[in-house]
């Protein structure tokens, strides 16, 4: 979608280079910071495992451009949340779209509720008729 629909250059990170026509270049963790420094949008869409937990933290945010956006459509535990809050408040990155955070539902007073330049959505899998109906009522 990113390459074909938006004409974006797509950098993928994988333990094994899979050779997709939709990915311009693959990297692995050894050059992850270099790839992060090139990215305008960093999308997390990986499984949460013992080796991927907290894969994005302070050093990774510092490697990103100050205009870069982080989009997490996977699991909240992939991100060091305190480092994200710090990076967002300091302007280290440009913004974040989070479909999941470490503790759900968000507690009253959570720093995520006041992050600048962020969107947080409910991490909901599956499409149910009642959700569609509720969405129509809420969002027209």
N, C-alpha and C. Protein backbone atom coordinates (compact mmCIF):
# COMPACT_ATOMS: atom_id res chain seq x y z
N UNK A 1 0.82 -1.18 0.00
CA UNK A 1 0.00 0.00 0.00
C UNK A 1 0.87 1.25 0.00
N UNK A 2 1.91 1.30 0.82
CA UNK A 2 2.73 2.51 0.91
C UNK A 2 3.45 2.80 -0.40
N UNK A 3 4.03 1.77 -1.00
CA UNK A 3 4.80 1.94 -2.23
C UNK A 3 3.88 2.22 -3.41
N UNK A 4 2.90 1.37 -3.61
CA UNK A 4 2.03 1.49 -4.77
C UNK A 4 1.03 2.64 -4.61
N UNK A 5 0.40 2.74 -3.46
CA UNK A 5 -0.64 3.74 -3.25
C UNK A 5 -0.12 5.15 -3.04
N UNK A 6 1.02 5.28 -2.35
CA UNK A 6 1.53 6.60 -2.00
C UNK A 6 2.88 6.92 -2.64
N UNK A 7 3.46 5.98 -3.38
CA UNK A 7 4.75 6.21 -4.01
C UNK A 7 5.90 6.33 -3.03
N UNK A 8 5.76 5.74 -1.86
CA UNK A 8 6.79 5.85 -0.83
C UNK A 8 7.93 4.86 -1.09
N UNK A 9 9.12 5.22 -0.69
CA UNK A 9 10.24 4.28 -0.65
C UNK A 9 10.04 3.47 0.63
N UNK A 10 10.03 2.15 0.51
CA UNK A 10 9.74 1.29 1.64
C UNK A 10 10.99 0.53 2.07
N UNK A 11 11.37 0.73 3.33
CA UNK A 11 12.48 0.00 3.93
C UNK A 11 11.87 -1.00 4.90
N UNK A 12 12.25 -2.25 4.77
CA UNK A 12 11.73 -3.27 5.67
C UNK A 12 12.81 -3.79 6.58
N UNK A 13 12.43 -4.24 7.74
CA UNK A 13 13.38 -4.86 8.66
C UNK A 13 12.90 -6.27 8.93
N UNK A 14 13.78 -7.22 8.74
CA UNK A 14 13.40 -8.61 8.89
C UNK A 14 14.62 -9.43 9.28
N UNK A 15 14.36 -10.51 10.00
CA UNK A 15 15.46 -11.44 10.31
C UNK A 15 15.93 -12.12 9.04
N UNK A 16 15.04 -12.30 8.09
CA UNK A 16 15.37 -12.91 6.81
C UNK A 16 14.86 -12.02 5.70
N UNK A 17 15.68 -11.73 4.72
CA UNK A 17 15.28 -10.90 3.59
C UNK A 17 14.29 -11.69 2.75
N UNK A 18 13.08 -11.19 2.64
CA UNK A 18 12.04 -11.97 1.97
C UNK A 18 11.86 -11.62 0.50
N UNK A 19 12.45 -10.55 0.04
CA UNK A 19 12.39 -10.21 -1.37
C UNK A 19 11.01 -9.86 -1.90
N UNK A 20 10.32 -8.93 -1.29
CA UNK A 20 9.01 -8.51 -1.76
C UNK A 20 9.15 -7.38 -2.76
N UNK A 21 8.32 -7.39 -3.79
CA UNK A 21 8.34 -6.29 -4.77
C UNK A 21 7.83 -4.99 -4.16
N UNK A 22 7.25 -5.06 -2.97
CA UNK A 22 6.73 -3.87 -2.30
C UNK A 22 7.72 -3.26 -1.31
N UNK A 23 8.90 -3.86 -1.20
CA UNK A 23 9.93 -3.36 -0.29
C UNK A 23 11.17 -3.03 -1.11
N UNK A 24 11.65 -1.79 -0.99
CA UNK A 24 12.82 -1.36 -1.75
C UNK A 24 14.12 -1.92 -1.18
N UNK A 25 14.18 -2.00 0.14
CA UNK A 25 15.41 -2.49 0.77
C UNK A 25 15.09 -3.08 2.13
N UNK A 26 15.73 -4.19 2.43
CA UNK A 26 15.59 -4.82 3.75
C UNK A 26 16.83 -4.51 4.58
N UNK A 27 16.62 -4.39 5.87
CA UNK A 27 17.74 -4.28 6.80
C UNK A 27 17.46 -5.24 7.95
N UNK A 28 18.45 -5.39 8.80
CA UNK A 28 18.25 -6.19 10.00
C UNK A 28 18.59 -5.31 11.19
N UNK A 29 18.61 -5.88 12.36
CA UNK A 29 18.83 -5.05 13.56
C UNK A 29 20.21 -4.39 13.58
N UNK A 30 21.16 -4.96 12.85
CA UNK A 30 22.51 -4.38 12.88
C UNK A 30 22.55 -2.99 12.25
N UNK A 31 21.66 -2.70 11.31
CA UNK A 31 21.63 -1.36 10.72
C UNK A 31 20.27 -0.68 10.89
N UNK A 32 19.57 -1.07 11.95
CA UNK A 32 18.25 -0.51 12.21
C UNK A 32 18.31 1.01 12.42
N UNK A 33 19.29 1.51 13.14
CA UNK A 33 19.36 2.95 13.41
C UNK A 33 19.59 3.74 12.13
N UNK A 34 20.37 3.19 11.22
CA UNK A 34 20.57 3.86 9.93
C UNK A 34 19.24 3.95 9.17
N UNK A 35 18.50 2.84 9.14
CA UNK A 35 17.20 2.84 8.46
C UNK A 35 16.23 3.80 9.14
N UNK A 36 16.22 3.83 10.47
CA UNK A 36 15.34 4.75 11.19
C UNK A 36 15.65 6.20 10.84
N UNK A 37 16.94 6.49 10.64
CA UNK A 37 17.35 7.85 10.29
C UNK A 37 16.89 8.28 8.91
N UNK A 38 16.59 7.32 8.04
CA UNK A 38 16.12 7.63 6.69
C UNK A 38 14.60 7.75 6.62
N UNK A 39 13.91 7.18 7.58
CA UNK A 39 12.46 7.02 7.50
C UNK A 39 11.68 8.29 7.85
N UNK A 40 10.65 8.55 7.06
CA UNK A 40 9.70 9.59 7.40
C UNK A 40 8.57 9.02 8.26
N UNK A 41 8.25 7.75 8.01
CA UNK A 41 7.23 7.04 8.79
C UNK A 41 7.81 5.69 9.19
N UNK A 42 7.74 5.38 10.47
CA UNK A 42 8.19 4.09 10.99
C UNK A 42 6.94 3.34 11.42
N UNK A 43 6.66 2.24 10.75
CA UNK A 43 5.48 1.44 11.06
C UNK A 43 5.87 0.14 11.74
N UNK A 44 5.29 -0.11 12.90
CA UNK A 44 5.55 -1.35 13.62
C UNK A 44 4.42 -2.32 13.34
N UNK A 45 4.77 -3.44 12.75
CA UNK A 45 3.76 -4.47 12.44
C UNK A 45 4.42 -5.84 12.62
N UNK A 46 4.94 -6.06 13.82
CA UNK A 46 5.63 -7.30 14.12
C UNK A 46 5.05 -7.93 15.36
N UNK A 47 5.34 -9.20 15.51
CA UNK A 47 4.83 -9.93 16.68
C UNK A 47 5.61 -9.54 17.92
N UNK A 48 4.94 -9.60 19.05
CA UNK A 48 5.61 -9.38 20.33
C UNK A 48 6.19 -10.72 20.79
N UNK A 49 7.51 -10.77 20.88
CA UNK A 49 8.21 -11.97 21.34
C UNK A 49 9.25 -11.52 22.37
N UNK A 50 9.90 -12.45 23.04
CA UNK A 50 10.96 -12.04 23.97
C UNK A 50 12.06 -11.20 23.30
N UNK A 51 12.30 -11.42 22.01
CA UNK A 51 13.36 -10.66 21.33
C UNK A 51 12.89 -9.34 20.75
N UNK A 52 11.57 -9.11 20.67
CA UNK A 52 11.09 -7.85 20.10
C UNK A 52 10.48 -6.91 21.14
N UNK A 53 10.28 -7.38 22.35
CA UNK A 53 9.74 -6.51 23.39
C UNK A 53 10.64 -5.30 23.60
N UNK A 54 10.02 -4.12 23.62
CA UNK A 54 10.75 -2.85 23.83
C UNK A 54 11.84 -2.64 22.77
N UNK A 55 11.55 -3.04 21.55
CA UNK A 55 12.50 -2.91 20.45
C UNK A 55 12.74 -1.45 20.07
N UNK A 56 11.77 -0.59 20.39
CA UNK A 56 11.89 0.84 20.10
C UNK A 56 11.97 1.60 21.42
N UNK A 57 13.09 2.27 21.62
CA UNK A 57 13.30 3.02 22.85
C UNK A 57 14.03 4.33 22.59
N UNK A 58 14.66 4.85 23.60
CA UNK A 58 15.31 6.17 23.52
C UNK A 58 16.31 6.26 22.37
N UNK A 59 17.19 5.27 22.24
CA UNK A 59 18.20 5.32 21.17
C UNK A 59 17.56 5.31 19.79
N UNK A 60 16.47 4.56 19.64
CA UNK A 60 15.79 4.49 18.35
C UNK A 60 15.09 5.81 18.04
N UNK A 61 14.46 6.42 19.04
CA UNK A 61 13.84 7.73 18.81
C UNK A 61 14.89 8.77 18.45
N UNK A 62 16.03 8.71 19.10
CA UNK A 62 17.11 9.66 18.79
C UNK A 62 17.68 9.44 17.40
N UNK A 63 17.58 8.23 16.87
CA UNK A 63 18.06 7.94 15.52
C UNK A 63 17.10 8.47 14.45
N UNK A 64 15.84 8.68 14.83
CA UNK A 64 14.82 9.13 13.88
C UNK A 64 14.94 10.63 13.62
N UNK A 65 14.38 11.06 12.50
CA UNK A 65 14.32 12.49 12.19
C UNK A 65 13.32 13.17 13.12
N UNK A 66 13.50 14.45 13.41
CA UNK A 66 12.54 15.15 14.26
C UNK A 66 11.16 15.30 13.61
N UNK A 67 11.08 15.03 12.32
CA UNK A 67 9.79 15.09 11.63
C UNK A 67 9.17 13.71 11.42
N UNK A 68 9.87 12.66 11.82
CA UNK A 68 9.38 11.29 11.61
C UNK A 68 8.15 10.98 12.44
N UNK A 69 7.32 10.11 11.90
CA UNK A 69 6.13 9.64 12.59
C UNK A 69 6.28 8.17 12.93
N UNK A 70 5.86 7.79 14.12
CA UNK A 70 5.84 6.40 14.54
C UNK A 70 4.40 5.92 14.51
N UNK A 71 4.16 4.79 13.82
CA UNK A 71 2.83 4.20 13.77
C UNK A 71 2.94 2.78 14.31
N UNK A 72 2.25 2.50 15.39
CA UNK A 72 2.28 1.17 15.98
C UNK A 72 0.91 0.52 15.82
N UNK A 73 0.84 -0.43 14.89
CA UNK A 73 -0.38 -1.18 14.69
C UNK A 73 -0.29 -2.57 15.29
N UNK A 74 0.74 -2.80 16.08
CA UNK A 74 0.99 -4.13 16.64
C UNK A 74 0.69 -4.15 18.14
N UNK A 75 1.70 -4.26 18.94
CA UNK A 75 1.56 -4.38 20.40
C UNK A 75 2.26 -3.22 21.10
N UNK A 76 1.64 -2.74 22.16
CA UNK A 76 2.21 -1.63 22.91
C UNK A 76 3.55 -1.94 23.54
N UNK A 77 3.76 -3.19 23.92
CA UNK A 77 5.00 -3.57 24.60
C UNK A 77 6.21 -3.58 23.67
N UNK A 78 6.03 -3.28 22.38
CA UNK A 78 7.17 -3.14 21.47
C UNK A 78 7.93 -1.84 21.73
N UNK A 79 7.28 -0.91 22.42
CA UNK A 79 7.83 0.43 22.63
C UNK A 79 8.11 0.66 24.10
N UNK A 80 9.26 1.27 24.39
CA UNK A 80 9.54 1.74 25.75
C UNK A 80 8.69 3.00 25.94
N UNK A 81 7.62 2.87 26.68
CA UNK A 81 6.63 3.95 26.76
C UNK A 81 7.18 5.23 27.36
N UNK A 82 8.00 5.14 28.39
CA UNK A 82 8.57 6.36 28.99
C UNK A 82 9.44 7.09 27.97
N UNK A 83 10.17 6.34 27.16
CA UNK A 83 11.02 6.95 26.13
C UNK A 83 10.17 7.62 25.05
N UNK A 84 9.03 7.02 24.71
CA UNK A 84 8.13 7.63 23.73
C UNK A 84 7.56 8.93 24.27
N UNK A 85 7.10 8.92 25.49
CA UNK A 85 6.55 10.14 26.10
C UNK A 85 7.62 11.23 26.10
N UNK A 86 8.83 10.88 26.50
CA UNK A 86 9.93 11.85 26.51
C UNK A 86 10.22 12.37 25.11
N UNK A 87 10.29 11.48 24.12
CA UNK A 87 10.59 11.89 22.74
C UNK A 87 9.50 12.79 22.17
N UNK A 88 8.26 12.49 22.49
CA UNK A 88 7.16 13.31 21.99
C UNK A 88 7.17 14.69 22.65
N UNK A 89 7.36 14.73 23.93
CA UNK A 89 7.37 16.02 24.64
C UNK A 89 8.57 16.87 24.27
N UNK A 90 9.70 16.24 23.94
CA UNK A 90 10.92 16.98 23.59
C UNK A 90 10.98 17.34 22.11
N UNK A 91 10.07 16.81 21.30
CA UNK A 91 10.12 17.07 19.86
C UNK A 91 11.19 16.25 19.15
N UNK A 92 11.63 15.17 19.76
CA UNK A 92 12.64 14.30 19.15
C UNK A 92 12.08 13.63 17.91
N UNK A 93 10.77 13.30 17.93
CA UNK A 93 10.08 12.79 16.75
C UNK A 93 8.86 13.67 16.51
N UNK A 94 8.32 13.58 15.30
CA UNK A 94 7.23 14.49 14.93
C UNK A 94 5.85 14.11 15.42
N UNK A 95 5.62 12.82 15.62
CA UNK A 95 4.29 12.40 16.06
C UNK A 95 4.18 10.90 16.14
N UNK A 96 3.03 10.44 16.63
CA UNK A 96 2.80 9.00 16.78
C UNK A 96 1.34 8.68 16.59
N UNK A 97 1.10 7.54 15.96
CA UNK A 97 -0.22 6.95 15.86
C UNK A 97 -0.15 5.60 16.53
N UNK A 98 -0.89 5.43 17.60
CA UNK A 98 -0.79 4.21 18.41
C UNK A 98 -2.12 3.48 18.43
N UNK A 99 -2.10 2.24 17.97
CA UNK A 99 -3.30 1.42 18.04
C UNK A 99 -3.27 0.53 19.27
N UNK A 100 -2.18 0.60 20.00
CA UNK A 100 -2.04 -0.22 21.20
C UNK A 100 -1.01 0.42 22.12
N UNK A 101 -1.25 0.32 23.41
CA UNK A 101 -0.27 0.75 24.41
C UNK A 101 -0.09 -0.41 25.39
N UNK A 102 0.91 -0.32 26.23
CA UNK A 102 1.23 -1.42 27.13
C UNK A 102 0.12 -1.79 28.10
N UNK A 103 -0.54 -0.79 28.67
CA UNK A 103 -1.62 -1.05 29.62
C UNK A 103 -2.92 -0.53 29.04
N UNK A 104 -3.84 -1.43 28.79
CA UNK A 104 -5.13 -1.05 28.24
C UNK A 104 -6.23 -1.55 29.16
N UNK A 105 -7.27 -0.78 29.35
CA UNK A 105 -7.47 0.57 28.84
C UNK A 105 -6.56 1.56 29.54
N UNK A 106 -6.37 2.71 28.91
CA UNK A 106 -5.52 3.74 29.50
C UNK A 106 -6.09 4.18 30.84
N UNK A 107 -5.21 4.31 31.80
CA UNK A 107 -5.62 4.77 33.13
C UNK A 107 -5.86 6.28 33.09
N UNK A 108 -6.75 6.73 33.92
CA UNK A 108 -6.97 8.16 34.05
C UNK A 108 -5.65 8.79 34.47
N UNK A 109 -5.26 9.87 33.81
CA UNK A 109 -4.00 10.52 34.11
C UNK A 109 -2.81 9.97 33.35
N UNK A 110 -3.03 9.01 32.46
CA UNK A 110 -1.94 8.45 31.65
C UNK A 110 -1.29 9.55 30.83
N UNK A 111 0.05 9.57 30.76
CA UNK A 111 0.71 10.60 29.96
C UNK A 111 0.35 10.50 28.47
N UNK A 112 -0.12 9.34 28.03
CA UNK A 112 -0.52 9.19 26.63
C UNK A 112 -1.72 10.06 26.28
N UNK A 113 -2.52 10.40 27.26
CA UNK A 113 -3.72 11.19 26.99
C UNK A 113 -3.40 12.63 26.62
N UNK A 114 -2.20 13.10 26.96
CA UNK A 114 -1.83 14.49 26.69
C UNK A 114 -0.63 14.64 25.77
N UNK A 115 -0.26 13.58 25.06
CA UNK A 115 0.89 13.67 24.17
C UNK A 115 0.59 14.60 23.00
N UNK A 116 1.54 15.48 22.68
CA UNK A 116 1.34 16.34 21.51
C UNK A 116 1.48 15.51 20.24
N UNK A 117 0.79 15.90 19.19
CA UNK A 117 0.94 15.27 17.88
C UNK A 117 0.75 13.76 17.91
N UNK A 118 -0.27 13.30 18.60
CA UNK A 118 -0.49 11.86 18.66
C UNK A 118 -1.96 11.52 18.47
N UNK A 119 -2.17 10.31 17.98
CA UNK A 119 -3.51 9.75 17.85
C UNK A 119 -3.45 8.37 18.47
N UNK A 120 -4.40 8.08 19.33
CA UNK A 120 -4.48 6.76 19.95
C UNK A 120 -5.85 6.18 19.62
N UNK A 121 -5.83 4.97 19.09
CA UNK A 121 -7.08 4.29 18.75
C UNK A 121 -7.21 3.03 19.60
N UNK A 122 -8.42 2.52 19.68
CA UNK A 122 -8.67 1.29 20.44
C UNK A 122 -8.15 0.10 19.64
N UNK A 123 -7.37 -0.72 20.27
CA UNK A 123 -6.80 -1.91 19.62
C UNK A 123 -7.88 -2.99 19.59
N UNK A 124 -8.63 -3.01 18.51
CA UNK A 124 -9.77 -3.91 18.40
C UNK A 124 -9.60 -4.78 17.16
N UNK A 125 -9.63 -6.07 17.36
CA UNK A 125 -9.52 -6.99 16.22
C UNK A 125 -10.92 -7.45 15.82
N UNK A 126 -11.08 -7.63 14.54
CA UNK A 126 -12.34 -8.17 14.04
C UNK A 126 -13.36 -7.10 13.76
N UNK A 127 -14.26 -7.42 12.86
CA UNK A 127 -15.32 -6.50 12.49
C UNK A 127 -16.65 -7.15 12.89
N UNK A 128 -17.37 -6.46 13.70
CA UNK A 128 -18.66 -6.96 14.15
C UNK A 128 -19.73 -5.95 13.76
N UNK A 129 -20.91 -6.46 13.47
CA UNK A 129 -22.00 -5.59 13.04
C UNK A 129 -22.24 -4.49 14.06
N UNK A 130 -22.26 -4.81 15.35
CA UNK A 130 -22.53 -3.78 16.36
C UNK A 130 -21.45 -2.71 16.37
N UNK A 131 -20.20 -3.07 16.04
CA UNK A 131 -19.14 -2.05 15.99
C UNK A 131 -19.37 -1.10 14.82
N UNK A 132 -19.77 -1.66 13.68
CA UNK A 132 -20.04 -0.81 12.53
C UNK A 132 -21.18 0.16 12.84
N UNK A 133 -22.23 -0.36 13.44
CA UNK A 133 -23.38 0.49 13.79
C UNK A 133 -22.97 1.57 14.79
N UNK A 134 -22.20 1.19 15.78
CA UNK A 134 -21.75 2.17 16.77
C UNK A 134 -20.86 3.22 16.12
N UNK A 135 -19.98 2.78 15.21
CA UNK A 135 -19.12 3.71 14.49
C UNK A 135 -19.90 4.70 13.67
N UNK A 136 -20.95 4.22 13.01
CA UNK A 136 -21.80 5.13 12.22
C UNK A 136 -22.45 6.18 13.11
N UNK A 137 -22.90 5.75 14.29
CA UNK A 137 -23.53 6.70 15.21
C UNK A 137 -22.52 7.71 15.75
N UNK A 138 -21.31 7.23 16.05
CA UNK A 138 -20.30 8.12 16.63
C UNK A 138 -19.68 9.05 15.60
N UNK A 139 -19.42 8.53 14.39
CA UNK A 139 -18.63 9.27 13.42
C UNK A 139 -19.40 9.66 12.16
N UNK A 140 -20.68 9.35 12.14
CA UNK A 140 -21.51 9.75 11.00
C UNK A 140 -21.26 8.90 9.83
